[in-house]
Protein backbone atom coordinates (compact mmCIF):
# COMPACT_ATOMS: atom_id res chain seq x y z
CA MET A 1 -12.64 20.93 -3.60
CA TYR A 2 -13.07 17.32 -1.62
CA TYR A 3 -16.47 16.42 0.29
CA ILE A 4 -16.49 13.00 2.08
CA ALA A 5 -19.80 11.25 3.52
CA ASN A 6 -19.78 8.65 6.31
CA ALA A 7 -22.37 6.60 4.61
CA SER A 8 -23.72 3.98 7.36
CA HIS A 9 -26.54 1.26 6.16
CA GLU A 10 -28.97 3.58 7.54
CA ASP A 11 -27.81 6.41 5.39
CA TYR A 12 -28.97 4.79 1.80
CA THR A 13 -31.38 2.56 0.75
CA ARG A 14 -30.36 -0.82 -1.19
CA ASP A 15 -31.88 -2.73 -3.71
CA PHE A 16 -29.84 -5.60 -4.81
CA HIS A 17 -29.74 -7.45 -7.47
CA GLN A 18 -27.59 -9.38 -10.19
CA GLN A 19 -26.91 -7.76 -13.63
CA LYS A 20 -24.48 -8.24 -16.28
CA SER A 21 -22.51 -4.88 -17.18
CA PRO A 22 -21.51 -3.88 -20.31
CA GLY A 23 -18.04 -4.69 -19.14
CA GLY A 24 -19.09 -8.36 -18.72
CA VAL A 25 -18.69 -7.97 -14.75
CA THR A 26 -21.36 -9.25 -12.84
CA GLY A 27 -22.04 -7.51 -9.41
CA GLY A 28 -24.25 -6.69 -6.69
CA LEU A 29 -25.81 -3.23 -7.31
CA SER A 30 -27.36 -0.75 -5.14
CA ALA A 31 -29.56 2.26 -5.12
CA VAL A 32 -27.63 5.10 -3.06
CA THR A 33 -28.42 8.48 -1.73
CA LEU A 34 -25.61 9.86 -0.04
CA PRO A 35 -26.36 12.60 2.97
CA PHE A 36 -23.70 15.61 2.15
CA SER A 37 -23.60 18.34 4.57
CA HIS A 38 -22.69 20.65 1.89
CA LEU A 39 -25.01 19.56 -0.60
CA LYS A 40 -29.17 19.32 -0.99
CA LEU A 41 -31.06 17.18 -2.79
CA GLY A 42 -33.01 18.58 -6.09
CA ARG A 43 -35.29 17.01 -8.61
CA LYS A 44 -35.41 13.11 -9.77
CA VAL A 45 -33.45 12.75 -12.97
CA SER A 46 -33.11 9.52 -15.23
CA GLY A 47 -29.68 7.95 -15.55
CA GLY A 48 -27.19 6.60 -17.94
CA LEU A 49 -24.01 4.60 -18.02
CA LEU A 50 -21.33 4.75 -15.63
CA SER A 51 -17.88 3.43 -16.25
CA LEU A 52 -16.02 2.81 -13.57
CA GLY A 53 -11.94 2.23 -13.50
CA LYS A 54 -9.81 2.11 -10.58
CA SER A 55 -11.00 5.49 -8.97
CA ALA A 56 -12.66 7.19 -12.07
CA VAL A 57 -16.31 7.23 -12.55
CA ALA A 58 -17.98 8.67 -15.61
CA ILE A 59 -21.52 9.67 -15.71
CA SER A 60 -23.52 10.18 -18.61
CA ALA A 61 -26.85 11.18 -17.49
CA GLY A 62 -30.22 11.19 -19.11
CA ARG A 63 -32.18 14.23 -20.68
CA ARG A 64 -34.59 16.54 -18.77
CA ALA A 65 -37.13 18.94 -20.09
CA ASP A 66 -35.26 21.68 -18.84
CA SER A 67 -31.69 21.11 -19.69
CA PRO A 68 -29.07 19.24 -21.99
CA HIS A 69 -27.78 15.98 -21.43
CA PHE A 70 -24.79 15.64 -19.09
CA CYS A 71 -21.55 13.81 -19.46
CA MET A 72 -19.97 14.24 -16.27
CA VAL A 73 -16.30 12.60 -14.68
CA TYR A 74 -15.69 12.07 -11.19
CA ASN A 75 -12.82 10.66 -9.00
CA LEU A 76 -13.96 8.69 -5.87
CA LEU A 77 -11.81 6.60 -3.50
CA LEU A 78 -13.79 3.66 -1.83
CA LYS A 79 -12.14 3.46 1.48
CA ARG A 80 -13.61 0.12 2.51
CA LYS A 81 -14.84 -2.63 0.54
CA ARG A 82 -18.31 -2.16 1.91
CA ILE A 83 -20.26 -0.30 -0.79
CA PHE A 84 -19.97 3.46 -0.34
CA SER A 85 -18.90 3.18 3.13
CA ILE A 86 -16.66 6.10 2.61
CA ILE A 87 -16.98 8.14 -0.67
CA LYS A 88 -14.52 11.13 -1.77
CA TYR A 89 -15.47 13.19 -4.51
CA GLU A 90 -13.39 15.15 -6.21
CA ASN A 91 -14.37 17.86 -8.54
CA LEU A 92 -17.97 17.79 -7.73
CA PHE A 93 -20.06 19.32 -10.65
CA GLU A 94 -23.53 21.33 -9.90
CA ASP A 95 -25.18 18.42 -11.11
CA VAL A 96 -24.33 14.74 -9.84
CA TYR A 97 -26.31 11.86 -9.17
CA ALA A 98 -27.14 9.24 -6.33
CA PHE A 99 -26.37 6.04 -8.33
CA ARG A 100 -26.38 2.24 -8.06
CA ALA A 101 -22.82 0.99 -7.95
CA CYS A 102 -20.88 -1.94 -6.90
CA HIS A 103 -16.78 -1.77 -6.56
CA ALA A 104 -14.82 0.81 -8.45
CA SER A 105 -13.11 -1.99 -10.64
CA GLU A 106 -16.27 -2.81 -12.08
CA HIS A 107 -18.67 -1.64 -14.74
CA VAL A 108 -21.91 -0.48 -13.17
CA ARG A 109 -25.68 0.77 -14.73
CA CYS A 110 -26.80 4.11 -13.29
CA ARG A 111 -30.21 4.12 -12.11
CA THR A 112 -32.70 6.66 -11.02
CA GLY A 113 -31.34 9.24 -9.01
CA PHE A 114 -31.32 12.68 -7.62
CA ARG A 115 -29.74 16.16 -8.78
CA LEU A 116 -27.28 17.09 -6.19
CA GLN A 117 -26.90 21.11 -6.05
CA ARG A 118 -23.55 22.53 -4.27
CA GLU A 119 -24.36 25.27 -1.34
CA GLU A 120 -23.07 28.76 -2.33
CA ASN A 121 -20.42 28.50 0.63
CA THR A 122 -18.32 26.41 -1.56
CA MET A 123 -17.47 29.34 -3.84
CA LYS A 124 -14.07 31.01 -3.71
CA THR A 125 -13.57 35.14 -3.73
CA ILE A 126 -10.59 36.87 -4.88
CA THR A 127 -10.35 40.17 -4.63
CA VAL A 128 -8.36 42.65 -6.97
CA HIS A 129 -7.41 46.17 -5.39
CA ALA A 130 -6.47 48.24 -8.53
CA SER A 131 -7.82 51.23 -9.53
CA GLN A 132 -11.12 49.98 -8.58
CA THR A 133 -11.72 47.16 -6.38
CA TYR A 134 -13.64 44.25 -7.45
CA PRO A 135 -14.38 40.42 -6.50
CA ILE A 136 -13.69 37.52 -8.73
CA TRP A 137 -15.92 34.62 -7.66
CA ILE A 138 -15.23 31.30 -8.60
CA GLY A 139 -17.11 28.33 -8.11
CA ARG A 140 -19.73 26.04 -9.68
CA GLY A 141 -23.18 26.30 -10.51
CA LEU A 142 -23.03 30.48 -10.43
CA LEU A 143 -23.99 31.40 -13.97
CA GLY A 144 -27.78 30.94 -13.14
CA GLN A 145 -27.26 33.22 -9.90
CA CYS A 146 -25.36 35.85 -12.05
CA GLY A 147 -28.14 38.56 -11.32
CA THR A 148 -28.08 38.26 -7.60
CA TYR A 149 -24.22 38.90 -7.98
CA LEU A 150 -24.36 41.69 -10.18
CA LYS A 151 -26.95 43.32 -8.32
CA GLN A 152 -24.14 43.45 -5.43
CA GLN A 153 -22.20 45.29 -7.72
CA THR A 154 -23.99 48.07 -9.44
CA LYS A 155 -27.22 50.65 -9.13
CA ALA A 156 -27.83 49.92 -13.12
CA GLN A 157 -31.29 49.08 -14.15
CA THR A 158 -30.41 47.78 -17.66
CA ALA A 159 -27.68 45.13 -18.47
CA ALA A 160 -27.05 44.91 -21.72
CA VAL A 161 -25.46 41.12 -22.70
CA ILE A 162 -22.86 40.90 -25.12
CA THR A 163 -21.89 37.79 -26.42
CA ASP A 164 -21.10 35.41 -29.42
CA ASP A 165 -23.19 32.96 -31.39
CA HIS A 166 -21.87 30.05 -30.02
CA VAL A 167 -22.15 30.98 -26.16
CA ASP A 168 -25.27 32.27 -26.51
CA CYS A 169 -26.60 28.90 -27.70
CA TYR A 170 -25.34 27.45 -24.51
CA TYR A 171 -25.82 30.18 -21.82
CA GLY A 172 -27.65 33.12 -23.15
CA ASP A 173 -31.35 31.96 -21.61
CA ILE A 174 -29.88 31.39 -18.31
CA VAL A 175 -28.08 34.30 -17.86
CA THR A 176 -30.86 36.52 -19.45
CA LYS A 177 -33.34 34.80 -17.02
CA SER A 178 -30.90 35.44 -13.99
CA LEU A 179 -30.53 39.31 -14.58
CA GLU A 180 -34.55 39.79 -15.22
CA GLU A 181 -35.57 37.77 -12.14
CA ASN A 182 -33.07 40.05 -10.19
CA GLY A 183 -34.83 43.35 -11.96
CA PHE A 184 -32.75 44.16 -14.51
CA ARG A 185 -34.13 45.11 -17.84
CA THR A 186 -32.21 42.78 -20.08
CA ILE A 187 -31.13 43.42 -23.78
CA LYS A 188 -28.89 41.25 -25.72
CA PHE A 189 -26.37 41.55 -28.78
CA VAL A 190 -24.78 38.57 -30.58
CA PHE A 191 -21.98 38.64 -32.95
CA PRO A 192 -20.44 35.82 -34.90
CA HIS A 193 -17.97 33.93 -32.90
CA GLY A 194 -13.81 34.17 -33.53
CA GLU A 195 -10.99 36.14 -33.68
CA ALA A 196 -12.05 38.02 -36.82
CA SER A 197 -14.99 39.63 -34.82
CA LYS A 198 -12.54 41.38 -32.64
CA CYS A 199 -12.65 44.39 -35.01
CA SER A 200 -13.61 48.18 -35.09
CA LYS A 201 -16.71 47.12 -37.46
CA THR A 202 -18.20 44.65 -34.78
CA LEU A 203 -17.34 47.52 -31.91
CA ASN A 204 -19.48 50.04 -33.90
CA GLN A 205 -22.06 47.33 -34.43
CA ILE A 206 -22.15 47.47 -30.32
CA TYR A 207 -22.01 51.14 -30.16
CA ASP A 208 -25.13 51.52 -32.29
CA PHE A 209 -26.84 48.49 -30.69
CA LEU A 210 -26.31 50.20 -27.22
CA CYS A 211 -27.31 53.89 -28.66
CA GLU A 212 -30.66 52.21 -30.39
CA ASN A 213 -31.87 50.85 -27.05
CA ASN A 214 -30.89 54.16 -24.91
CA ILE A 215 -28.36 52.79 -22.67
CA THR A 216 -27.21 55.47 -20.33
CA ARG A 217 -24.04 55.80 -18.32
CA THR A 218 -25.83 54.42 -15.45
CA ASP A 219 -26.69 50.94 -17.08
CA CYS A 220 -24.11 47.95 -17.42
CA LEU A 221 -22.63 45.49 -19.87
CA VAL A 222 -22.26 42.13 -19.17
CA ALA A 223 -19.49 40.13 -20.99
CA LEU A 224 -20.60 36.73 -21.89
CA GLY A 225 -18.14 34.48 -23.55
CA GLY A 226 -14.16 34.13 -24.04
CA GLY A 227 -11.41 36.32 -24.31
CA VAL A 228 -12.86 37.98 -27.76
CA VAL A 229 -16.13 38.76 -26.00
CA GLY A 230 -14.44 40.16 -23.00
CA ASP A 231 -12.00 42.11 -24.62
CA ILE A 232 -14.56 43.73 -27.02
CA THR A 233 -17.07 44.34 -24.52
CA GLY A 234 -14.65 45.82 -22.06
CA PHE A 235 -13.49 48.18 -24.74
CA ALA A 236 -16.91 49.03 -25.45
CA ALA A 237 -17.54 50.04 -21.76
CA ALA A 238 -14.34 52.15 -21.70
CA THR A 239 -15.27 54.19 -24.15
CA TYR A 240 -19.38 54.21 -24.91
CA LEU A 241 -20.57 57.44 -23.20
CA ARG A 242 -16.73 58.03 -21.64
CA GLY A 243 -17.47 54.59 -19.31
CA LEU A 244 -19.90 51.99 -18.35
CA ASP A 245 -19.81 49.36 -15.55
CA TYR A 246 -19.48 46.17 -16.98
CA LEU A 247 -19.31 42.47 -15.72
CA GLN A 248 -17.08 39.73 -16.96
CA ILE A 249 -18.62 36.46 -17.37
CA PRO A 250 -15.88 34.28 -18.84
CA THR A 251 -17.01 30.84 -20.29
CA SER A 252 -13.44 29.68 -21.74
CA LEU A 253 -10.52 28.34 -19.68
CA LEU A 254 -8.41 31.27 -21.30
CA ALA A 255 -10.76 34.02 -20.52
CA GLN A 256 -10.86 32.50 -16.78
CA VAL A 257 -7.34 32.34 -15.98
CA ASP A 258 -6.35 35.35 -18.02
CA SER A 259 -7.74 37.85 -20.09
CA SER A 260 -11.24 38.69 -17.88
CA VAL A 261 -8.71 39.68 -14.97
CA GLY A 262 -6.89 42.75 -15.04
CA GLY A 263 -8.83 45.40 -17.09
CA LYS A 264 -6.89 45.04 -20.45
CA THR A 265 -9.29 45.68 -23.11
CA ALA A 266 -8.83 45.85 -26.98
CA ILE A 267 -9.90 45.03 -30.61
CA ASP A 268 -7.04 44.10 -33.34
CA LEU A 269 -6.00 45.95 -36.63
CA THR A 270 -4.67 44.69 -39.75
CA GLY A 271 -1.31 45.57 -38.06
CA GLY A 272 -1.43 43.31 -35.21
CA LYS A 273 -3.61 42.25 -31.90
CA ASN A 274 -5.10 44.34 -29.49
CA LEU A 275 -3.33 47.35 -30.87
CA VAL A 276 -6.30 49.90 -29.79
CA GLY A 277 -7.53 49.38 -26.61
CA ALA A 278 -7.71 50.89 -22.96
CA PHE A 279 -7.76 49.92 -19.31
CA LYS A 280 -11.32 49.21 -17.82
CA GLN A 281 -11.48 47.24 -14.62
CA PRO A 282 -14.83 45.41 -14.56
CA VAL A 283 -17.06 45.97 -11.55
CA ALA A 284 -16.98 42.11 -10.95
CA VAL A 285 -15.80 38.78 -12.51
CA LEU A 286 -17.92 35.83 -12.22
CA CYS A 287 -16.30 32.31 -13.19
CA ASP A 288 -18.18 29.15 -13.39
CA LEU A 289 -15.98 26.40 -13.76
CA ASP A 290 -19.24 24.47 -15.27
CA THR A 291 -18.86 26.48 -18.36
CA LEU A 292 -15.59 24.49 -19.12
CA HIS A 293 -17.45 21.19 -19.66
CA THR A 294 -18.78 22.43 -22.86
CA LEU A 295 -15.29 23.64 -24.08
CA PRO A 296 -14.28 21.09 -27.07
CA LYS A 297 -10.66 19.81 -26.61
CA LEU A 298 -8.86 22.24 -28.68
CA PHE A 299 -10.12 25.15 -26.86
CA LEU A 300 -9.36 23.43 -23.43
CA ALA A 301 -5.91 23.11 -24.82
CA ASP A 302 -6.07 26.57 -25.73
CA GLY A 303 -6.35 27.80 -22.29
CA MET A 304 -3.58 25.44 -21.03
CA GLY A 305 -1.21 27.48 -23.06
CA GLU A 306 -1.75 30.09 -20.62
CA VAL A 307 -1.93 28.24 -17.55
CA ILE A 308 1.35 26.54 -18.34
CA LYS A 309 2.70 30.23 -18.77
CA TYR A 310 1.53 31.18 -15.24
CA GLY A 311 3.51 28.09 -13.80
CA MET A 312 6.79 29.25 -15.88
CA ILE A 313 6.68 32.50 -14.86
CA ARG A 314 5.68 32.46 -10.96
CA ASP A 315 4.70 29.10 -9.62
CA GLU A 316 7.05 25.81 -9.95
CA LYS A 317 4.30 23.98 -8.06
CA LEU A 318 1.94 24.59 -10.12
CA PHE A 319 4.13 23.65 -13.18
CA THR A 320 4.76 20.57 -11.45
CA LEU A 321 1.34 19.82 -10.87
CA LEU A 322 0.35 20.22 -14.46
CA GLU A 323 3.36 17.78 -15.21
CA GLN A 324 1.43 15.15 -13.66
CA HIS A 325 -1.48 15.51 -16.11
CA THR A 326 -2.69 15.44 -19.26
CA LEU A 327 -5.40 17.25 -21.40
CA GLU A 328 -7.46 14.03 -20.82
CA THR A 329 -6.92 14.25 -17.00
CA VAL A 330 -6.35 18.02 -16.35
CA SER A 331 -10.14 18.77 -15.38
CA GLU A 332 -9.77 16.67 -12.49
CA VAL A 333 -7.68 19.61 -10.68
CA MET A 334 -9.33 22.54 -12.54
CA ASP A 335 -10.81 23.74 -9.08
CA GLU A 336 -7.11 24.20 -8.18
CA ILE A 337 -5.75 25.33 -11.20
CA VAL A 338 -8.26 28.09 -12.20
CA PRO A 339 -7.88 29.91 -8.40
CA THR A 340 -4.01 29.69 -8.60
CA CYS A 341 -3.66 31.45 -11.80
CA ILE A 342 -6.11 34.20 -11.20
CA ASP A 343 -4.46 34.75 -7.78
CA ILE A 344 -1.18 35.18 -9.63
CA LYS A 345 -2.55 37.61 -12.17
CA ARG A 346 -4.25 39.33 -9.14
CA ASP A 347 -0.74 39.95 -7.53
CA VAL A 348 0.95 41.32 -10.86
CA VAL A 349 -1.92 43.34 -11.67
CA GLU A 350 -1.92 44.90 -7.99
CA HIS A 351 1.65 45.83 -8.63
CA ASP A 352 1.84 47.11 -12.02
CA GLU A 353 -1.94 47.96 -13.39
CA PHE A 354 -0.91 49.78 -16.43
CA ASP A 355 1.62 47.71 -17.65
CA THR A 356 4.90 49.43 -17.26
CA GLY A 357 7.04 46.90 -15.36
CA GLU A 358 6.17 43.71 -13.80
CA ARG A 359 3.09 43.05 -15.72
CA MET A 360 5.11 42.36 -18.71
CA ILE A 361 5.92 38.97 -17.23
CA LEU A 362 2.49 37.99 -18.03
CA ASN A 363 3.70 38.24 -22.12
CA PHE A 364 6.01 35.12 -21.58
CA GLY A 365 5.71 33.52 -25.20
CA HIS A 366 3.50 36.16 -26.54
CA THR A 367 6.34 38.12 -28.23
CA LEU A 368 6.92 35.42 -30.78
CA GLY A 369 3.24 34.00 -30.08
CA HIS A 370 1.57 37.01 -31.58
CA ALA A 371 4.02 36.87 -34.73
CA VAL A 372 2.64 33.04 -34.90
CA GLU A 373 -0.96 34.39 -34.83
CA SER A 374 -0.05 37.13 -37.62
CA TYR A 375 1.81 34.59 -39.92
CA TYR A 376 -0.81 31.99 -39.82
CA GLU A 377 -3.98 33.48 -38.78
CA THR A 378 -5.11 29.98 -37.85
CA TYR A 379 -3.59 29.42 -34.71
CA THR A 380 -5.36 29.69 -31.52
CA HIS A 381 -3.78 32.18 -28.80
CA GLY A 382 -2.75 29.53 -26.81
CA SER A 383 -1.12 27.18 -29.13
CA ALA A 384 0.95 30.28 -30.31
CA VAL A 385 1.81 31.19 -26.94
CA ALA A 386 2.76 27.84 -26.23
CA ALA A 387 5.07 27.53 -29.43
CA GLY A 388 6.43 31.01 -28.59
CA MET A 389 7.23 29.95 -24.89
CA CYS A 390 9.29 26.77 -26.55
CA MET A 391 10.81 28.72 -29.15
CA MET A 392 12.12 31.47 -26.64
CA THR A 393 13.20 28.80 -23.91
CA LYS A 394 15.17 27.01 -26.44
CA ALA A 395 16.96 30.30 -27.62
CA THR A 396 17.84 31.20 -23.79
CA CYS A 397 17.39 28.60 -21.39
CA THR A 398 19.16 24.88 -20.60
CA PRO A 399 18.73 21.97 -22.68
CA GLU A 400 17.12 20.52 -19.48
CA LEU A 401 14.48 23.10 -19.26
CA TYR A 402 13.79 23.32 -22.81
CA VAL A 403 12.94 19.56 -22.61
CA ARG A 404 11.14 19.87 -19.38
CA LEU A 405 8.78 22.65 -20.84
CA CYS A 406 8.21 20.99 -24.29
CA ASP A 407 7.17 17.70 -22.68
CA CYS A 408 4.77 19.55 -20.39
CA VAL A 409 3.37 21.58 -23.48
CA LYS A 410 2.98 18.31 -25.53
CA ALA A 411 0.92 16.60 -22.86
CA TYR A 412 -1.84 19.09 -23.52
CA ASP A 413 -1.56 18.88 -27.42
CA LEU A 414 0.18 21.94 -28.01
CA PRO A 415 2.70 23.00 -30.29
CA THR A 416 6.50 23.51 -29.13
CA GLU A 417 7.38 24.90 -32.70
CA VAL A 418 6.18 26.30 -36.06
CA ASP A 419 7.08 25.37 -39.47
CA ALA A 420 7.25 28.96 -40.27
CA PRO A 421 11.17 30.45 -40.65
CA VAL A 422 12.14 32.42 -37.52
CA ALA A 423 13.52 34.86 -40.50
CA GLU A 424 9.74 35.87 -41.26
CA LEU A 425 8.57 35.48 -38.01
CA VAL A 426 10.73 37.93 -36.25
CA PRO A 427 9.82 41.15 -38.40
CA LEU A 428 6.24 40.64 -37.26
CA CYS A 429 7.54 41.09 -33.38
CA GLY A 430 7.89 44.76 -34.72
CA ASN A 431 4.10 45.29 -33.71
CA ASP A 432 4.47 43.91 -30.40
CA LYS A 433 3.04 46.24 -27.80
CA LYS A 434 6.13 45.73 -25.54
CA ARG A 435 8.40 47.49 -28.29
CA ALA A 436 9.64 50.58 -26.69
CA SER A 437 11.11 52.87 -29.88
CA ALA A 438 13.98 51.06 -31.35
CA SER A 439 14.00 48.65 -28.71
CA LEU A 440 11.93 45.20 -28.24
CA ARG A 441 11.34 44.06 -24.65
CA PHE A 442 10.48 40.25 -24.15
CA ILE A 443 10.50 37.79 -21.06
CA VAL A 444 12.86 34.94 -20.29
CA CYS A 445 12.29 32.20 -17.82
CA GLU A 446 15.69 30.88 -16.64
CA THR A 447 14.25 29.13 -13.86
CA ILE A 448 10.80 27.55 -13.55
CA GLY A 449 8.50 30.10 -11.40
CA ARG A 450 10.86 33.10 -12.12
CA ALA A 451 10.45 35.47 -15.19
CA GLU A 452 12.71 38.38 -16.08
CA ILE A 453 12.34 41.14 -18.48
CA ARG A 454 14.79 41.66 -21.26
CA SER A 455 15.43 44.79 -23.79
CA MET A 456 17.31 44.62 -27.04
CA PRO A 457 17.62 46.87 -30.08
CA PHE A 458 15.22 45.44 -32.45
CA THR A 459 17.59 44.87 -35.11
CA GLU A 460 19.78 43.09 -32.57
CA PHE A 461 17.09 40.83 -31.41
CA ALA A 462 16.03 39.97 -35.08
CA ALA A 463 20.05 38.69 -35.56
CA TRP A 464 20.03 36.76 -32.26
CA MET A 465 17.11 35.08 -33.00
CA GLY A 466 17.83 34.05 -36.79
CA GLY A 467 15.86 36.72 -38.41
CA VAL A 468 16.58 39.12 -40.88
CA ASP A 469 17.39 43.19 -40.63
CA ALA A 470 14.47 44.97 -39.39
């Protein structure tokens, strides 16, 4: 998303003076307030430090009483040398600031500015036409409006928010406040974060919580969190009282581009991941891209495993875009990446909602990836999928394609292989959901942007991959 502002001398105020910056550069500094047609001014905030490279601006804003500190990165392009004559903002977040600046090659210090908020018309909507038609809203600053959006999709009077202890610290109060302001009686259940909580014990605790709070079939659940939260909340919605409405609010990259869309819900068993579940479409999905800023790099990388998968199975243009970035710079194009991945999954789900054919291509890298997760129990899902994609590509594709995929995977701090012997991984593939009787179905991408479903007797697959007899 891009905004261009043509700012004349009358469009901003100046307060030039000389100041030595942290980088040792002395320059003329100017207080600037830019008039954007799609933005509106909010309250004043205190500033922090700006470090400008050739075109990148890192803003570390000060604290306010009602919000945490911000550390944001923007790309801007000065079309002329006259200060802020024309500025292009890329990846505009909800909170940005008018600030004192000189040239983009210098270091400058941020002064008091204004909070700018994006107007609603910057939001993208993707509609899924499955057994239940529902919208996926993608934008920035949406979390504080979730009650308004949910009210459009359900007649429920009570909303039960299900989240984990990490996400609750960041967003629990924001979501609860918005729901209550829109007339929902709101209750909240918080469980320990992590894959270990995606189990029958946690599920039964959710059931008990819903029962104790007199949740009826006319009420709804709100899944606030990453893939674990979305999967277990969706399964609770599918099964409690034989079905409740639920809203997905994914806060991780992996959940936004993958697990929150398409209606797959599940919990894990000792024998494998996602072995008990149901298909249950949400009433809506709300993706606030601003939530990605609180993700540690490990979890951003985790989501990039699934993003790379989408490029491999369906979109060479997306894959090429990913090759041009790294984990350090990919946030610059996240406004493009997330809607692209969601739209790919929407298309696949509409053709095969119940995972009997084409939808299996979404499991590229997962056959071996799930085996890696089971073997180590410490690998994140995206890391395991990345290793699984590379291992499968090495066995089925040209060396050139294998190297290209590995280079892309490495750029996002993801593994291309694991130390575990293939002979010990392959037997764990026997619990994969894509197994049909004695055969195992797996996904191959011989060409970037095109996926193929293959089937092989499990014993032959084991021998072919270098494993042992099943």
